[in-house]
Amino acid sequence: MPINNNELINTLQGLTSDQRNYVIAAIPETHPNLPLNGNVSWNEQPEFTSDFTYYPANTTASINTRALESFIQNLTLVDAMLNSQEIK
């Protein structure tokens, strides 16, 4: 199945600074360069059908070269929001 927006999730997992609490955040995400869903349209990168070994790495590299702001949920703002949380 192609890497797609229907199943793309931004996750954060970690311990609080006092290491007493485990924190998990899962935020649905979309990117304009990815297909809407997992349906194969045959317009995917050529290695999706010819050599799947390279498909995940090349798709990831393609997305990583884009600015964080290119995601529908601006990743810079998501990171700022998550970093502003306080657990007492």
C-alpha atoms as a PDB file:
ATOM      1  CA  MET A   1       0.000   0.000   0.000  1.00  0.00           C
ATOM      2  CA  PRO A   2       1.388   3.467  -0.820  1.00  0.00           C
ATOM      3  CA  ILE A   3       2.409   5.777   2.006  1.00  0.00           C
ATOM      4  CA  ASN A   4      -0.676   7.962   2.211  1.00  0.00           C
ATOM      5  CA  ASN A   5      -2.463  10.764   4.063  1.00  0.00           C
ATOM      6  CA  ASN A   6      -5.217   8.535   5.423  1.00  0.00           C
ATOM      7  CA  GLU A   7      -2.732   6.716   7.656  1.00  0.00           C
ATOM      8  CA  LEU A   8      -0.075   9.364   8.309  1.00  0.00           C
ATOM      9  CA  ILE A   9       0.268  10.158  12.017  1.00  0.00           C
ATOM     10  CA  ASN A  10       2.678  12.496  13.788  1.00  0.00           C
ATOM     11  CA  THR A  11       3.595  10.880  17.095  1.00  0.00           C
ATOM     12  CA  LEU A  12       5.502  12.007  20.138  1.00  0.00           C
ATOM     13  CA  GLN A  13       6.461   9.658  22.936  1.00  0.00           C
ATOM     14  CA  GLY A  14       8.661  10.378  25.886  1.00  0.00           C
ATOM     15  CA  LEU A  15       9.142  10.900  29.576  1.00  0.00           C
ATOM     16  CA  THR A  16       8.516  14.106  31.449  1.00  0.00           C
ATOM     17  CA  SER A  17      11.636  15.899  32.700  1.00  0.00           C
ATOM     18  CA  ASP A  18      11.199  14.318  36.148  1.00  0.00           C
ATOM     19  CA  GLN A  19      10.836  10.887  34.452  1.00  0.00           C
ATOM     20  CA  ARG A  20       7.659  10.146  36.401  1.00  0.00           C
ATOM     21  CA  ASN A  21       5.184  10.287  33.515  1.00  0.00           C
ATOM     22  CA  TYR A  22       5.137   8.759  30.063  1.00  0.00           C
ATOM     23  CA  VAL A  23       3.564  11.081  27.482  1.00  0.00           C
ATOM     24  CA  ILE A  24       2.059  10.073  24.144  1.00  0.00           C
ATOM     25  CA  ALA A  25       0.609  12.359  21.482  1.00  0.00           C
ATOM     26  CA  ALA A  26      -0.783  11.086  18.169  1.00  0.00           C
ATOM     27  CA  ILE A  27      -1.858  13.757  15.697  1.00  0.00           C
ATOM     28  CA  PRO A  28      -3.265  12.913  12.248  1.00  0.00           C
ATOM     29  CA  GLU A  29      -1.243  14.597   9.521  1.00  0.00           C
ATOM     30  CA  THR A  30      -1.420  15.135   5.778  1.00  0.00           C
ATOM     31  CA  HIS A  31       1.059  16.291   3.171  1.00  0.00           C
ATOM     32  CA  PRO A  32       0.211  17.575  -0.304  1.00  0.00           C
ATOM     33  CA  ASN A  33       2.791  15.278  -1.945  1.00  0.00           C
ATOM     34  CA  LEU A  34       1.153  12.091  -0.664  1.00  0.00           C
ATOM     35  CA  PRO A  35      -1.910  10.299  -2.055  1.00  0.00           C
ATOM     36  CA  LEU A  36      -5.170  10.648  -0.126  1.00  0.00           C
ATOM     37  CA  ASN A  37      -5.515   6.963   0.668  1.00  0.00           C
ATOM     38  CA  GLY A  38      -3.845   3.592   0.217  1.00  0.00           C
ATOM     39  CA  ASN A  39      -5.460   2.808  -3.122  1.00  0.00           C
ATOM     40  CA  VAL A  40      -2.860   2.057  -5.749  1.00  0.00           C
ATOM     41  CA  SER A  41      -3.235   4.494  -8.633  1.00  0.00           C
ATOM     42  CA  TRP A  42      -0.066   3.419 -10.450  1.00  0.00           C
ATOM     43  CA  ASN A  43       1.063   7.057 -10.311  1.00  0.00           C
ATOM     44  CA  GLU A  44       3.249   6.233  -7.319  1.00  0.00           C
ATOM     45  CA  GLN A  45       6.998   6.515  -7.479  1.00  0.00           C
ATOM     46  CA  PRO A  46       8.356   3.910  -9.931  1.00  0.00           C
ATOM     47  CA  GLU A  47      10.043   1.873  -7.197  1.00  0.00           C
ATOM     48  CA  PHE A  48       6.650   1.257  -5.549  1.00  0.00           C
ATOM     49  CA  THR A  49       5.965  -1.366  -8.203  1.00  0.00           C
ATOM     50  CA  SER A  50       9.454  -2.177  -9.488  1.00  0.00           C
ATOM     51  CA  ASP A  51      11.614  -2.247  -6.332  1.00  0.00           C
ATOM     52  CA  PHE A  52       9.699  -1.680  -3.103  1.00  0.00           C
ATOM     53  CA  THR A  53      12.942  -1.771  -1.087  1.00  0.00           C
ATOM     54  CA  TYR A  54      13.628   1.867  -2.018  1.00  0.00           C
ATOM     55  CA  TYR A  55      10.058   3.201  -1.952  1.00  0.00           C
ATOM     56  CA  PRO A  56       9.730   3.980   1.808  1.00  0.00           C
ATOM     57  CA  ALA A  57      13.176   5.606   2.016  1.00  0.00           C
ATOM     58  CA  ASN A  58      12.671   7.687  -1.138  1.00  0.00           C
ATOM     59  CA  THR A  59       9.196   8.816  -0.062  1.00  0.00           C
ATOM     60  CA  THR A  60      10.524   9.779   3.365  1.00  0.00           C
ATOM     61  CA  ALA A  61      13.449  11.655   1.819  1.00  0.00           C
ATOM     62  CA  SER A  62      11.063  13.497  -0.519  1.00  0.00           C
ATOM     63  CA  ILE A  63       8.916  14.650   2.390  1.00  0.00           C
ATOM     64  CA  ASN A  64      11.902  15.490   4.602  1.00  0.00           C
ATOM     65  CA  THR A  65      13.226  17.939   2.011  1.00  0.00           C
ATOM     66  CA  ARG A  66      10.043  20.019   2.400  1.00  0.00           C
ATOM     67  CA  ALA A  67       9.629  22.713   5.017  1.00  0.00           C
ATOM     68  CA  LEU A  68       7.860  21.707   8.227  1.00  0.00           C
ATOM     69  CA  GLU A  69       5.208  24.259   7.311  1.00  0.00           C
ATOM     70  CA  SER A  70       4.316  22.287   4.148  1.00  0.00           C
ATOM     71  CA  PHE A  71       2.374  19.743   6.198  1.00  0.00           C
ATOM     72  CA  ILE A  72      -1.332  20.522   6.632  1.00  0.00           C
ATOM     73  CA  GLN A  73      -0.804  20.553  10.401  1.00  0.00           C
ATOM     74  CA  ASN A  74       2.160  22.942  10.480  1.00  0.00           C
ATOM     75  CA  LEU A  75       4.774  20.804  12.268  1.00  0.00           C
ATOM     76  CA  THR A  76       6.527  23.836  13.698  1.00  0.00           C
ATOM     77  CA  LEU A  77       3.291  24.865  15.434  1.00  0.00           C
ATOM     78  CA  VAL A  78       2.517  21.284  16.522  1.00  0.00           C
ATOM     79  CA  ASP A  79       5.982  20.970  18.089  1.00  0.00           C
ATOM     80  CA  ALA A  80       5.548  24.317  19.858  1.00  0.00           C
ATOM     81  CA  MET A  81       2.148  23.257  21.190  1.00  0.00           C
ATOM     82  CA  LEU A  82       3.453  19.914  22.440  1.00  0.00           C
ATOM     83  CA  ASN A  83       6.496  21.523  24.049  1.00  0.00           C
ATOM     84  CA  SER A  84       4.283  24.019  25.881  1.00  0.00           C
ATOM     85  CA  GLN A  85       2.383  21.304  27.778  1.00  0.00           C
ATOM     86  CA  GLU A  86       2.854  21.092  31.522  1.00  0.00           C
ATOM     87  CA  ILE A  87       2.130  18.026  33.611  1.00  0.00           C
ATOM     88  CA  LYS A  88       1.685  18.581  37.315  1.00  0.00           C
END
